[in-house]
Amino acid sequence: MPNLVMADWRGWIYPDKRNLSEYIVLGRFNSFDECKQTSLLNLKKMPNGDYECGKNCKPMFPSLGEESVQICEETVKRINSSSSYS
């Protein structure tokens, strides 16, 4: 039986898409879809917000742990051009 490795997705939301220095860590997810759905639910209260989901992320500075900038194998970010999320 092959050793199946699941992707580790992490999510962040930005309350104001123009200020990426302020963000909220959503946590870890098993899939991009899970990350996206959680992000969109949270963004319903933040019409100027945006989200980012990263796959298999590692801290740039391991000594800082989760507070460090994350380097991800893949990053998916929604650019919100309107205030409506679906």
Protein backbone atom coordinates (compact mmCIF):
# COMPACT_ATOMS: atom_id res chain seq x y z
CA MET A 1 0.00 0.00 0.00
CA PRO A 2 1.47 3.40 -0.95
CA ASN A 3 2.24 5.93 1.74
CA LEU A 4 -0.32 8.69 1.14
CA VAL A 5 0.74 12.09 2.41
CA MET A 6 -2.07 14.59 2.82
CA ALA A 7 -1.44 18.21 2.04
CA ASP A 8 -1.35 20.59 4.97
CA TRP A 9 -3.16 23.83 4.10
CA ARG A 10 -3.00 26.97 6.24
CA GLY A 11 -5.32 29.93 6.02
CA TRP A 12 -5.07 33.65 6.70
CA ILE A 13 -7.59 36.42 6.25
CA TYR A 14 -6.82 40.10 5.84
CA PRO A 15 -9.55 42.37 7.25
CA ASP A 16 -8.42 45.09 4.81
CA LYS A 17 -7.03 43.84 1.50
CA ARG A 18 -5.01 47.07 1.19
CA ASN A 19 -3.11 46.35 4.42
CA LEU A 20 -1.50 42.91 4.32
CA SER A 21 0.49 43.56 7.49
CA GLU A 22 -2.68 42.96 9.52
CA TYR A 23 -4.00 39.41 9.29
CA ILE A 24 -5.81 36.72 11.24
CA VAL A 25 -4.50 33.15 11.26
CA LEU A 26 -7.36 30.74 10.55
CA GLY A 27 -5.42 27.57 11.25
CA ARG A 28 -4.71 24.33 9.39
CA PHE A 29 -6.92 22.47 6.94
CA ASN A 30 -6.86 19.16 5.07
CA SER A 31 -7.71 20.70 1.70
CA PHE A 32 -7.78 23.97 -0.19
CA ASP A 33 -11.59 23.81 -0.36
CA GLU A 34 -11.80 23.58 3.43
CA CYS A 35 -9.48 26.58 3.78
CA LYS A 36 -11.40 28.58 1.17
CA GLN A 37 -14.83 27.87 2.69
CA THR A 38 -13.67 28.84 6.19
CA SER A 39 -12.08 32.00 4.79
CA LEU A 40 -15.22 33.02 2.91
CA LEU A 41 -17.40 32.46 5.99
CA ASN A 42 -15.15 34.74 8.03
CA LEU A 43 -14.96 37.37 5.29
CA LYS A 44 -18.75 37.84 5.23
CA LYS A 45 -18.18 40.25 8.13
CA MET A 46 -15.27 41.99 6.37
CA PRO A 47 -16.39 43.46 3.02
CA ASN A 48 -12.92 44.92 2.32
CA GLY A 49 -11.12 41.72 3.28
CA ASP A 50 -9.22 39.06 1.41
CA TYR A 51 -7.85 35.60 2.10
CA GLU A 52 -4.84 33.46 1.39
CA CYS A 53 -4.41 29.69 1.62
CA GLY A 54 -0.97 28.10 1.57
CA LYS A 55 -0.03 24.47 0.98
CA ASN A 56 2.69 22.71 3.01
CA CYS A 57 4.01 25.90 4.62
CA LYS A 58 7.16 26.13 6.72
CA PRO A 59 8.34 29.07 8.83
CA MET A 60 11.04 31.21 7.22
CA PHE A 61 12.56 31.64 10.69
CA PRO A 62 11.93 28.38 12.58
CA SER A 63 12.88 29.90 15.93
CA LEU A 64 9.80 32.17 15.66
CA GLY A 65 7.48 29.24 14.93
CA GLU A 66 3.98 30.11 13.72
CA GLU A 67 4.69 33.84 14.12
CA SER A 68 7.30 33.70 11.36
CA VAL A 69 6.65 34.55 7.74
CA GLN A 70 5.54 31.31 6.07
CA ILE A 71 7.07 29.90 2.90
CA CYS A 72 4.55 27.67 1.11
CA GLU A 73 4.84 25.20 -1.78
CA GLU A 74 1.72 26.76 -3.27
CA THR A 75 -0.30 29.86 -2.39
CA VAL A 76 -3.85 30.66 -3.49
CA LYS A 77 -5.14 34.17 -2.84
CA ARG A 78 -8.46 35.67 -3.83
CA ILE A 79 -8.34 39.22 -5.04
CA ASN A 80 -11.65 40.69 -4.00
CA SER A 81 -12.74 43.24 -6.57
CA SER A 82 -16.23 43.56 -5.10
CA SER A 83 -17.74 43.42 -1.65
CA SER A 84 -19.72 40.27 -2.39
CA TYR A 85 -18.40 36.79 -1.62
CA SER A 86 -20.09 33.63 -2.79
